[in-house]
N, C-alpha and C. Protein backbone atom coordinates (compact mmCIF):
# COMPACT_ATOMS: atom_id res chain seq x y z
N MET A 1 -1.21 -140.83 -25.95
CA MET A 1 -2.16 -140.92 -24.82
C MET A 1 -1.39 -141.68 -23.81
N GLN A 2 -1.58 -141.48 -22.76
CA GLN A 2 -0.78 -142.00 -21.76
C GLN A 2 -1.88 -142.79 -20.42
N PHE A 3 -3.35 -142.81 -20.92
CA PHE A 3 -4.35 -142.70 -20.12
C PHE A 3 -5.13 -144.26 -20.91
N PRO A 4 -5.56 -145.30 -20.38
CA PRO A 4 -6.43 -146.12 -21.07
C PRO A 4 -7.80 -145.52 -21.55
N LEU A 5 -8.35 -146.07 -23.17
CA LEU A 5 -9.14 -145.60 -23.53
C LEU A 5 -10.35 -146.51 -23.93
N GLU A 6 -11.30 -146.71 -23.35
CA GLU A 6 -12.25 -147.87 -23.78
C GLU A 6 -13.49 -146.85 -24.43
N ILE A 7 -13.93 -147.76 -25.88
CA ILE A 7 -14.99 -146.80 -26.47
C ILE A 7 -16.16 -148.19 -26.86
N SER A 8 -17.18 -147.88 -26.64
CA SER A 8 -18.19 -148.62 -27.06
C SER A 8 -19.42 -148.38 -28.17
N PHE A 9 -20.13 -149.03 -28.53
CA PHE A 9 -21.03 -148.63 -29.36
C PHE A 9 -22.41 -149.23 -28.73
N ARG A 10 -23.67 -148.56 -28.97
CA ARG A 10 -24.87 -149.20 -28.59
C ARG A 10 -25.81 -148.93 -29.57
N ASN A 11 -26.69 -150.03 -30.17
CA ASN A 11 -27.61 -149.72 -31.36
C ASN A 11 -27.06 -149.09 -32.61
N MET A 12 -25.80 -149.44 -32.57
CA MET A 12 -25.16 -149.28 -34.00
C MET A 12 -23.97 -150.21 -34.17
N ASP A 13 -23.86 -150.37 -35.22
CA ASP A 13 -22.35 -151.03 -35.83
C ASP A 13 -21.13 -150.24 -35.44
N PRO A 14 -20.17 -150.67 -34.96
CA PRO A 14 -18.60 -150.27 -34.34
C PRO A 14 -18.51 -149.46 -35.75
N SER A 15 -17.74 -147.99 -35.82
CA SER A 15 -17.09 -147.53 -36.61
C SER A 15 -15.78 -147.12 -36.61
N PRO A 16 -14.90 -147.74 -37.59
CA PRO A 16 -13.53 -147.31 -37.27
C PRO A 16 -13.34 -145.67 -37.30
N ALA A 17 -14.04 -145.10 -38.49
CA ALA A 17 -13.95 -143.76 -38.64
C ALA A 17 -13.90 -143.12 -37.10
N VAL A 18 -15.36 -143.18 -36.55
CA VAL A 18 -15.69 -142.69 -35.40
C VAL A 18 -14.64 -142.88 -34.34
N GLU A 19 -14.30 -143.83 -34.23
CA GLU A 19 -13.36 -144.66 -33.30
C GLU A 19 -11.91 -143.72 -33.36
N ALA A 20 -11.48 -143.63 -34.51
CA ALA A 20 -10.88 -143.06 -34.81
C ALA A 20 -10.63 -141.29 -34.56
N ARG A 21 -11.70 -140.58 -34.35
CA ARG A 21 -11.59 -139.57 -33.96
C ARG A 21 -12.12 -139.30 -32.46
N ILE A 22 -12.56 -140.29 -31.81
CA ILE A 22 -12.63 -140.37 -30.84
C ILE A 22 -11.19 -140.29 -29.87
N ARG A 23 -10.58 -141.24 -30.73
CA ARG A 23 -8.99 -141.48 -30.20
C ARG A 23 -8.08 -140.11 -30.36
N GLU A 24 -8.64 -139.59 -31.42
CA GLU A 24 -8.10 -137.87 -31.37
C GLU A 24 -8.22 -137.32 -30.43
N LYS A 25 -9.45 -136.88 -30.17
CA LYS A 25 -10.11 -136.23 -29.41
C LYS A 25 -9.74 -136.45 -28.10
N ALA A 26 -9.54 -137.50 -27.57
CA ALA A 26 -9.46 -138.17 -26.07
C ALA A 26 -7.71 -137.75 -26.03
N ALA A 27 -6.70 -138.02 -27.04
CA ALA A 27 -5.39 -137.35 -27.10
C ALA A 27 -5.43 -136.06 -26.43
N LYS A 28 -5.99 -135.14 -26.78
CA LYS A 28 -5.83 -133.85 -26.75
C LYS A 28 -6.37 -133.56 -25.58
N LEU A 29 -7.27 -134.40 -24.78
CA LEU A 29 -7.89 -133.97 -23.37
C LEU A 29 -6.66 -133.82 -22.66
N GLU A 30 -5.40 -134.48 -22.61
CA GLU A 30 -4.23 -134.16 -21.87
C GLU A 30 -3.53 -133.16 -21.94
N ARG A 31 -3.74 -132.02 -22.59
CA ARG A 31 -3.56 -130.77 -23.17
C ARG A 31 -4.09 -130.08 -21.61
N PHE A 32 -5.15 -130.54 -21.02
CA PHE A 32 -6.02 -129.72 -20.39
C PHE A 32 -5.96 -130.18 -19.15
N HIS A 33 -5.70 -131.48 -19.19
CA HIS A 33 -5.77 -132.22 -17.34
C HIS A 33 -4.38 -133.03 -17.35
N ASP A 34 -3.28 -133.05 -17.09
CA ASP A 34 -2.05 -134.12 -16.96
C ASP A 34 -2.38 -134.99 -16.46
N ARG A 35 -3.67 -135.29 -15.60
CA ARG A 35 -3.05 -136.48 -14.51
C ARG A 35 -4.81 -137.21 -14.79
N ILE A 36 -5.06 -137.70 -15.99
CA ILE A 36 -5.93 -138.38 -16.35
C ILE A 36 -5.99 -139.96 -16.11
N ILE A 37 -6.56 -140.63 -15.46
CA ILE A 37 -6.27 -142.03 -15.54
C ILE A 37 -6.97 -142.71 -16.30
N GLY A 38 -7.85 -142.43 -16.53
CA GLY A 38 -8.87 -143.38 -17.67
C GLY A 38 -10.04 -142.35 -18.47
N CYS A 39 -10.54 -143.17 -19.63
CA CYS A 39 -11.50 -142.88 -19.97
C CYS A 39 -12.58 -143.70 -20.86
N THR A 40 -13.84 -143.29 -20.62
CA THR A 40 -14.76 -144.26 -21.02
C THR A 40 -15.54 -143.39 -22.18
N VAL A 41 -15.92 -144.35 -23.55
CA VAL A 41 -16.92 -143.31 -24.32
C VAL A 41 -17.53 -144.22 -24.71
N VAL A 42 -18.83 -143.88 -24.55
CA VAL A 42 -20.56 -144.88 -25.18
C VAL A 42 -20.97 -143.77 -26.23
N VAL A 43 -20.74 -144.41 -27.58
CA VAL A 43 -21.86 -143.54 -28.52
C VAL A 43 -22.92 -144.61 -28.63
N GLU A 44 -24.09 -143.75 -28.57
CA GLU A 44 -25.43 -144.55 -28.79
C GLU A 44 -26.33 -144.10 -29.52
N ALA A 45 -26.63 -144.81 -30.68
CA ALA A 45 -27.84 -144.46 -31.88
C ALA A 45 -29.17 -144.51 -30.85
N PRO A 46 -30.02 -144.13 -31.12
CA PRO A 46 -31.50 -144.31 -30.40
C PRO A 46 -31.92 -145.39 -31.08
N HIS A 47 -32.89 -146.29 -30.24
CA HIS A 47 -33.73 -147.20 -30.82
C HIS A 47 -34.73 -146.78 -31.93
N ARG A 48 -34.54 -147.74 -32.78
CA ARG A 48 -35.60 -147.51 -34.09
C ARG A 48 -36.83 -147.04 -33.97
N SER A 49 -37.32 -145.87 -34.26
CA SER A 49 -38.71 -145.06 -33.82
C SER A 49 -39.12 -144.48 -35.57
N GLN A 50 -40.43 -144.03 -34.99
CA GLN A 50 -41.03 -143.96 -36.25
C GLN A 50 -40.76 -142.10 -36.78
N HIS A 51 -39.71 -141.79 -36.17
CA HIS A 51 -39.29 -140.63 -36.11
C HIS A 51 -37.66 -140.17 -37.16
N LYS A 52 -37.83 -139.42 -38.05
CA LYS A 52 -37.00 -139.07 -39.06
C LYS A 52 -35.65 -138.76 -38.43
N GLY A 53 -34.77 -139.30 -38.89
CA GLY A 53 -33.51 -138.69 -38.35
C GLY A 53 -33.06 -139.23 -36.75
N LYS A 54 -31.79 -139.49 -36.92
CA LYS A 54 -31.16 -140.48 -35.39
C LYS A 54 -30.48 -139.23 -34.41
N LEU A 55 -30.89 -138.96 -33.34
CA LEU A 55 -30.07 -137.97 -32.53
C LEU A 55 -28.88 -139.10 -31.87
N TYR A 56 -27.87 -139.08 -32.27
CA TYR A 56 -26.78 -139.76 -31.29
C TYR A 56 -26.75 -138.94 -29.78
N SER A 57 -26.20 -140.16 -28.86
CA SER A 57 -25.77 -139.55 -27.73
C SER A 57 -24.62 -140.06 -27.48
N VAL A 58 -23.85 -139.22 -26.84
CA VAL A 58 -22.47 -139.80 -26.35
C VAL A 58 -21.62 -139.72 -24.81
N ARG A 59 -21.53 -140.50 -24.11
CA ARG A 59 -21.06 -140.24 -22.65
C ARG A 59 -19.78 -140.60 -22.56
N LEU A 60 -19.47 -139.44 -21.66
CA LEU A 60 -17.79 -139.78 -21.57
C LEU A 60 -17.80 -139.92 -20.06
N ASP A 61 -16.66 -140.78 -19.40
CA ASP A 61 -16.52 -140.90 -17.98
C ASP A 61 -15.20 -140.49 -18.01
N ILE A 62 -14.58 -139.73 -17.45
CA ILE A 62 -12.99 -139.49 -17.54
C ILE A 62 -13.01 -139.55 -16.09
N SER A 63 -11.52 -140.32 -15.47
CA SER A 63 -11.18 -140.12 -14.15
C SER A 63 -10.15 -139.54 -14.13
N VAL A 64 -9.99 -138.77 -12.89
CA VAL A 64 -9.01 -138.34 -12.68
C VAL A 64 -8.59 -138.47 -11.04
N PRO A 65 -7.92 -138.19 -10.41
CA PRO A 65 -6.95 -138.28 -9.28
C PRO A 65 -8.57 -137.52 -7.84
N GLY A 66 -9.21 -138.22 -7.60
CA GLY A 66 -10.29 -137.63 -6.46
C GLY A 66 -11.48 -137.48 -7.23
N LYS A 67 -11.97 -137.28 -8.54
CA LYS A 67 -13.17 -137.17 -9.11
C LYS A 67 -13.21 -138.11 -10.41
N ASP A 68 -14.46 -138.56 -10.59
CA ASP A 68 -14.65 -138.58 -12.34
C ASP A 68 -15.41 -137.42 -12.65
N ILE A 69 -15.14 -137.35 -13.65
CA ILE A 69 -16.09 -136.49 -14.59
C ILE A 69 -16.47 -137.05 -15.58
N VAL A 70 -18.25 -136.92 -15.56
CA VAL A 70 -19.17 -137.24 -16.44
C VAL A 70 -19.79 -136.48 -17.41
N VAL A 71 -19.56 -136.64 -18.47
CA VAL A 71 -20.42 -135.88 -19.70
C VAL A 71 -21.23 -136.60 -20.25
N ASP A 72 -22.86 -136.50 -20.14
CA ASP A 72 -23.88 -137.41 -20.65
C ASP A 72 -24.73 -136.50 -21.64
N ARG A 73 -24.44 -136.91 -22.72
CA ARG A 73 -25.35 -136.22 -23.76
C ARG A 73 -26.79 -137.07 -24.05
N ALA A 74 -27.44 -137.75 -23.37
CA ALA A 74 -28.00 -138.63 -23.30
C ALA A 74 -29.44 -138.15 -23.67
N LYS A 75 -29.71 -137.17 -24.01
CA LYS A 75 -31.42 -136.42 -24.19
C LYS A 75 -30.90 -135.19 -25.38
N PRO A 76 -30.01 -135.67 -26.70
CA PRO A 76 -29.62 -134.62 -27.14
C PRO A 76 -30.66 -133.54 -27.69
N VAL A 77 -31.08 -132.51 -27.72
CA VAL A 77 -32.03 -131.60 -28.51
C VAL A 77 -31.70 -130.77 -29.74
N ASP A 78 -30.65 -130.73 -29.95
CA ASP A 78 -29.66 -130.02 -31.12
C ASP A 78 -29.76 -131.24 -32.15
N HIS A 79 -30.65 -130.58 -33.29
CA HIS A 79 -31.06 -131.63 -34.69
C HIS A 79 -29.54 -131.94 -35.21
N ALA A 80 -28.41 -131.14 -35.10
CA ALA A 80 -27.17 -131.05 -35.35
C ALA A 80 -26.61 -132.59 -35.00
N HIS A 81 -27.10 -132.89 -33.77
CA HIS A 81 -26.43 -134.21 -33.29
C HIS A 81 -27.18 -135.39 -34.16
N GLU A 82 -27.83 -135.19 -35.38
CA GLU A 82 -28.17 -136.32 -36.38
C GLU A 82 -26.67 -136.97 -37.00
N ASP A 83 -25.88 -135.99 -36.76
CA ASP A 83 -24.40 -136.60 -37.24
C ASP A 83 -23.56 -136.90 -36.02
N VAL A 84 -23.03 -138.20 -36.09
CA VAL A 84 -22.42 -138.65 -34.98
C VAL A 84 -20.99 -137.93 -34.97
N TYR A 85 -20.22 -137.39 -35.47
CA TYR A 85 -19.06 -136.68 -35.53
C TYR A 85 -19.59 -135.40 -34.32
N VAL A 86 -20.89 -134.72 -34.88
CA VAL A 86 -21.15 -133.67 -33.79
C VAL A 86 -21.09 -133.52 -32.83
N ALA A 87 -21.76 -134.99 -32.55
CA ALA A 87 -22.47 -135.71 -31.11
C ALA A 87 -21.07 -135.57 -30.46
N VAL A 88 -19.85 -136.20 -31.01
CA VAL A 88 -18.66 -136.56 -30.60
C VAL A 88 -18.18 -135.26 -30.08
N ARG A 89 -17.99 -134.26 -30.96
CA ARG A 89 -17.30 -132.91 -31.00
C ARG A 89 -17.87 -132.45 -29.69
N ASP A 90 -19.18 -132.34 -29.59
CA ASP A 90 -19.79 -131.40 -28.65
C ASP A 90 -19.36 -131.80 -27.11
N ALA A 91 -19.74 -133.54 -27.17
CA ALA A 91 -19.09 -133.86 -25.85
C ALA A 91 -17.59 -133.87 -25.29
N PHE A 92 -16.70 -133.64 -26.36
CA PHE A 92 -15.49 -133.56 -26.06
C PHE A 92 -15.14 -132.07 -25.45
N ASN A 93 -15.98 -131.29 -26.06
CA ASN A 93 -15.82 -129.88 -25.91
C ASN A 93 -16.36 -129.79 -24.38
N ALA A 94 -17.70 -130.29 -23.85
CA ALA A 94 -18.17 -130.02 -22.84
C ALA A 94 -16.91 -130.67 -22.08
N ALA A 95 -16.09 -131.84 -22.34
CA ALA A 95 -15.33 -132.49 -21.16
C ALA A 95 -14.34 -131.36 -21.19
N THR A 96 -13.91 -130.96 -22.25
CA THR A 96 -12.62 -130.03 -22.08
C THR A 96 -13.13 -128.93 -21.06
N ARG A 97 -14.33 -128.42 -21.26
CA ARG A 97 -14.29 -127.15 -20.41
C ARG A 97 -14.59 -127.72 -18.68
N ARG A 98 -15.02 -128.83 -18.62
CA ARG A 98 -14.79 -129.56 -17.15
C ARG A 98 -13.93 -130.04 -16.68
N LEU A 99 -12.97 -130.26 -17.61
CA LEU A 99 -11.52 -130.75 -17.06
C LEU A 99 -10.81 -129.18 -16.80
N GLU A 100 -11.14 -128.12 -17.94
CA GLU A 100 -10.54 -126.92 -17.36
C GLU A 100 -10.85 -126.51 -15.92
N ASP A 101 -12.06 -126.47 -15.68
CA ASP A 101 -12.92 -126.44 -14.29
C ASP A 101 -12.03 -127.07 -13.09
N GLN A 102 -11.91 -128.33 -13.40
CA GLN A 102 -11.34 -129.19 -12.65
C GLN A 102 -9.89 -128.78 -11.88
N VAL A 103 -9.06 -128.36 -12.57
CA VAL A 103 -7.56 -127.73 -12.91
C VAL A 103 -7.54 -126.68 -12.27
N ARG A 104 -8.77 -125.71 -12.53
CA ARG A 104 -8.53 -124.05 -11.98
C ARG A 104 -9.04 -124.11 -10.44
N LYS A 105 -10.36 -125.38 -10.02
CA LYS A 105 -10.42 -125.43 -8.86
C LYS A 105 -9.37 -126.03 -7.80
N ARG A 106 -8.68 -126.85 -8.63
CA ARG A 106 -7.93 -127.62 -7.51
C ARG A 106 -6.50 -126.24 -7.24
N ARG A 107 -5.91 -125.68 -8.31
CA ARG A 107 -4.75 -124.76 -8.40
C ARG A 107 -5.51 -123.58 -7.17
N GLU A 108 -7.00 -122.93 -7.26
CA GLU A 108 -7.33 -121.98 -6.51
C GLU A 108 -7.41 -122.86 -5.24
N GLY A 109 -7.77 -124.17 -5.01
CA GLY A 109 -7.69 -124.73 -3.68
C GLY A 109 -6.35 -124.96 -2.96
N SER A 110 -5.36 -125.28 -3.86
CA SER A 110 -3.62 -125.21 -3.31
C SER A 110 -3.61 -123.50 -2.80
N LYS A 111 -3.89 -122.51 -3.53
CA LYS A 111 -3.42 -121.06 -2.66
C LYS A 111 -4.05 -121.00 -1.88
N LEU A 112 -5.31 -121.60 -1.71
CA LEU A 112 -5.89 -120.96 -0.36
C LEU A 112 -5.56 -121.77 0.70
N ARG A 113 -4.99 -123.51 0.47
CA ARG A 113 -4.15 -123.90 1.81
C ARG A 113 -3.18 -123.37 2.09
N GLY A 114 -2.23 -122.75 0.76
CA GLY A 114 -1.07 -122.68 1.52
C GLY A 114 -0.68 -120.86 1.92
N THR A 115 -1.77 -120.35 2.46
CA THR A 115 -1.62 -119.06 3.20
C THR A 115 -2.63 -118.88 4.23
N GLY A 116 -3.03 -119.91 4.70
CA GLY A 116 -3.64 -119.74 5.98
C GLY A 116 -5.20 -119.43 5.77
N GLY A 117 -5.43 -119.81 4.77
CA GLY A 117 -6.68 -119.02 4.12
C GLY A 117 -7.28 -117.98 3.18
N GLU A 118 -6.33 -116.98 3.38
CA GLU A 118 -6.47 -116.02 2.25
C GLU A 118 -5.66 -116.45 1.05
N PRO A 119 -6.00 -115.70 -0.02
CA PRO A 119 -5.71 -115.91 -1.68
C PRO A 119 -4.13 -115.44 -1.37
N ALA A 120 -3.32 -115.93 -2.12
CA ALA A 120 -2.13 -116.16 -2.45
C ALA A 120 -2.20 -114.68 -3.35
N ALA A 121 -1.00 -113.83 -2.83
CA ALA A 121 -1.22 -112.09 -3.79
C ALA A 121 -0.14 -112.70 -5.16
N GLU A 122 -0.44 -112.24 -6.01
CA GLU A 122 0.11 -112.34 -7.21
C GLU A 122 0.64 -111.07 -7.62
């Protein structure tokens, strides 16, 4: 991994296993965007409440040149997010889609700029 990664846990004890999974998922992000500057991941367990089952939230802040990509699963509604690993997986899947969109838009923008406003012929 070529970019700095910051991982923090809120309302829960740090977990080396969850941290390892996050590092693994973050390393794979470079496949989708080669210019990532940094990534911050916050895993949060909800405050103790009277409801059974914790729904974990995961927030990713990914810095790329010219834009920050934020994936915030602050209010999970999927009860699968009672498993922190599923919440991490879903957040990184969403981040992957956003990075792919960013790369596609950058490529489309460069095609438009290079041809005087017309899309390049393929």
